[in-house]
Amino acid sequence: MNNNLGNNSVTIADAGYKIVKLVGEPKLPELMETLKKARAVNAELASRFGAIHSLWDFSELTSFAQELVPGTKLFASTSNVDKIAFYGVQEHLKPLLLEIAKEIKDQNTVKYFDDKTEAVKWLVI
């Protein structure tokens, strides 16, 4: 795993979507590197699959510091992804992460799931 991302990861699934996984208690440098890599992967997705679909896995995210919000909001507001599925958000983090997700320009492209299988199913149809 890329050490600059800490425990976070950004990968491309065989089915043609990006998986961004945030783990534990992200620190600002690791989160910014993860977001930077997530954006870089978009070009590859667009060229290989013709669309940019993204699965954000928060199932192992335990906290999200307030200091991370401004940069994450900026990333969300400039996102040009065709479909985004969020899943695994713990109850105590939902208000904060939903506030960030509202920065995405087209809310019709965003869905929230408790189950990974349902999230992936929606992404690949």
Protein backbone atom coordinates (compact mmCIF):
# COMPACT_ATOMS: atom_id res chain seq x y z
CA MET A 1 0.00 0.00 0.00
CA ASN A 2 1.15 3.52 -0.73
CA ASN A 3 2.58 4.85 2.56
CA ASN A 4 1.46 8.39 1.71
CA LEU A 5 -2.14 7.21 2.04
CA GLY A 6 -1.68 5.72 5.51
CA ASN A 7 -4.27 2.95 5.91
CA ASN A 8 -6.53 4.48 3.28
CA SER A 9 -6.66 3.07 -0.24
CA VAL A 10 -7.80 3.91 -3.76
CA THR A 11 -8.26 1.04 -6.22
CA ILE A 12 -10.08 0.24 -9.45
CA ALA A 13 -12.46 -2.72 -9.34
CA ASP A 14 -12.63 -5.09 -12.31
CA ALA A 15 -16.25 -4.02 -12.86
CA GLY A 16 -15.07 -0.50 -13.72
CA TYR A 17 -15.47 1.66 -10.65
CA LYS A 18 -13.13 3.32 -8.19
CA ILE A 19 -13.09 2.22 -4.55
CA VAL A 20 -11.95 4.82 -2.03
CA LYS A 21 -11.59 3.40 1.46
CA LEU A 22 -11.02 5.60 4.51
CA VAL A 23 -9.82 3.76 7.61
CA GLY A 24 -9.53 4.64 11.27
CA GLU A 25 -8.90 8.27 12.13
CA PRO A 26 -7.48 9.93 8.99
CA LYS A 27 -4.93 12.68 9.45
CA LEU A 28 -4.87 15.66 7.09
CA PRO A 29 -1.76 14.68 5.03
CA GLU A 30 -3.00 11.13 4.41
CA LEU A 31 -6.52 12.29 3.60
CA MET A 32 -5.28 14.88 1.10
CA GLU A 33 -3.04 12.28 -0.59
CA THR A 34 -6.00 9.88 -0.75
CA LEU A 35 -8.22 12.53 -2.35
CA LYS A 36 -5.43 13.46 -4.77
CA LYS A 37 -5.03 9.82 -5.83
CA ALA A 38 -8.83 9.44 -6.12
CA ARG A 39 -8.91 12.37 -8.54
CA ALA A 40 -5.97 10.97 -10.56
CA VAL A 41 -7.73 7.63 -10.99
CA ASN A 42 -10.70 9.38 -12.66
CA ALA A 43 -8.82 9.84 -15.95
CA GLU A 44 -8.02 6.14 -16.14
CA LEU A 45 -11.64 5.21 -15.40
CA ALA A 46 -12.93 7.57 -18.07
CA SER A 47 -10.54 6.21 -20.70
CA ARG A 48 -11.04 2.52 -19.86
CA PHE A 49 -14.75 2.48 -19.04
CA GLY A 50 -16.20 5.71 -20.45
CA ALA A 51 -17.65 6.75 -17.09
CA ILE A 52 -16.43 7.60 -13.62
CA HIS A 53 -18.20 5.63 -10.91
CA SER A 54 -16.98 5.78 -7.34
CA LEU A 55 -17.61 3.67 -4.25
CA TRP A 56 -16.65 5.32 -0.95
CA ASP A 57 -16.16 2.73 1.78
CA PHE A 58 -16.50 4.17 5.27
CA SER A 59 -17.02 0.82 7.01
CA GLU A 60 -13.70 1.09 8.89
CA LEU A 61 -13.74 4.85 9.46
CA THR A 62 -13.90 5.49 13.21
CA SER A 63 -13.63 9.29 13.34
CA PHE A 64 -13.39 12.31 11.07
CA ALA A 65 -11.82 15.41 12.56
CA GLN A 66 -13.43 18.79 11.93
CA GLU A 67 -10.10 20.05 10.50
CA LEU A 68 -10.59 17.67 7.57
CA VAL A 69 -13.91 19.16 6.50
CA PRO A 70 -12.82 22.23 4.45
CA GLY A 71 -10.46 20.32 2.14
CA THR A 72 -12.92 17.47 1.76
CA LYS A 73 -15.75 19.88 0.91
CA LEU A 74 -13.57 21.49 -1.76
CA PHE A 75 -12.79 18.07 -3.23
CA ALA A 76 -16.49 17.16 -3.27
CA SER A 77 -17.53 20.45 -4.87
CA THR A 78 -15.10 19.98 -7.76
CA SER A 79 -15.83 16.30 -8.31
CA ASN A 80 -16.83 15.30 -11.84
CA VAL A 81 -17.95 11.76 -11.12
CA ASP A 82 -20.91 10.19 -12.95
CA LYS A 83 -22.13 8.09 -9.99
CA ILE A 84 -21.08 7.99 -6.33
CA ALA A 85 -22.14 5.41 -3.77
CA PHE A 86 -21.32 5.84 -0.08
CA TYR A 87 -21.63 2.91 2.30
CA GLY A 88 -20.76 1.80 5.79
CA VAL A 89 -21.03 5.18 7.51
CA GLN A 90 -21.24 4.82 11.28
CA GLU A 91 -24.19 6.65 12.85
CA HIS A 92 -22.08 9.18 14.75
CA LEU A 93 -20.30 10.21 11.52
CA LYS A 94 -23.35 10.46 9.24
CA PRO A 95 -24.19 14.14 9.84
CA LEU A 96 -20.63 15.30 9.12
CA LEU A 97 -20.09 13.11 6.07
CA LEU A 98 -23.53 13.92 4.65
CA GLU A 99 -22.68 17.63 5.05
CA ILE A 100 -19.56 17.09 2.94
CA ALA A 101 -21.41 15.00 0.34
CA LYS A 102 -23.94 17.80 -0.15
CA GLU A 103 -21.14 19.77 -1.85
CA ILE A 104 -21.37 17.43 -4.84
CA LYS A 105 -23.05 19.46 -7.55
CA ASP A 106 -25.50 16.86 -8.84
CA GLN A 107 -27.14 15.14 -5.89
CA ASN A 108 -28.99 12.84 -8.33
CA THR A 109 -25.69 11.03 -8.90
CA VAL A 110 -25.23 10.24 -5.20
CA LYS A 111 -26.73 7.41 -3.13
CA TYR A 112 -26.10 6.22 0.41
CA PHE A 113 -26.13 2.53 1.37
CA ASP A 114 -25.68 0.43 4.48
CA ASP A 115 -24.76 -2.60 2.40
CA LYS A 116 -21.78 -2.87 0.04
CA THR A 117 -23.51 -5.33 -2.28
CA GLU A 118 -26.40 -2.94 -2.86
CA ALA A 119 -24.01 -0.03 -3.40
CA VAL A 120 -22.03 -1.93 -6.04
CA LYS A 121 -25.21 -3.18 -7.72
CA TRP A 122 -26.42 0.42 -8.11
CA LEU A 123 -23.03 1.60 -9.41
CA VAL A 124 -22.70 -0.97 -12.18
CA ILE A 125 -26.22 -0.77 -13.68
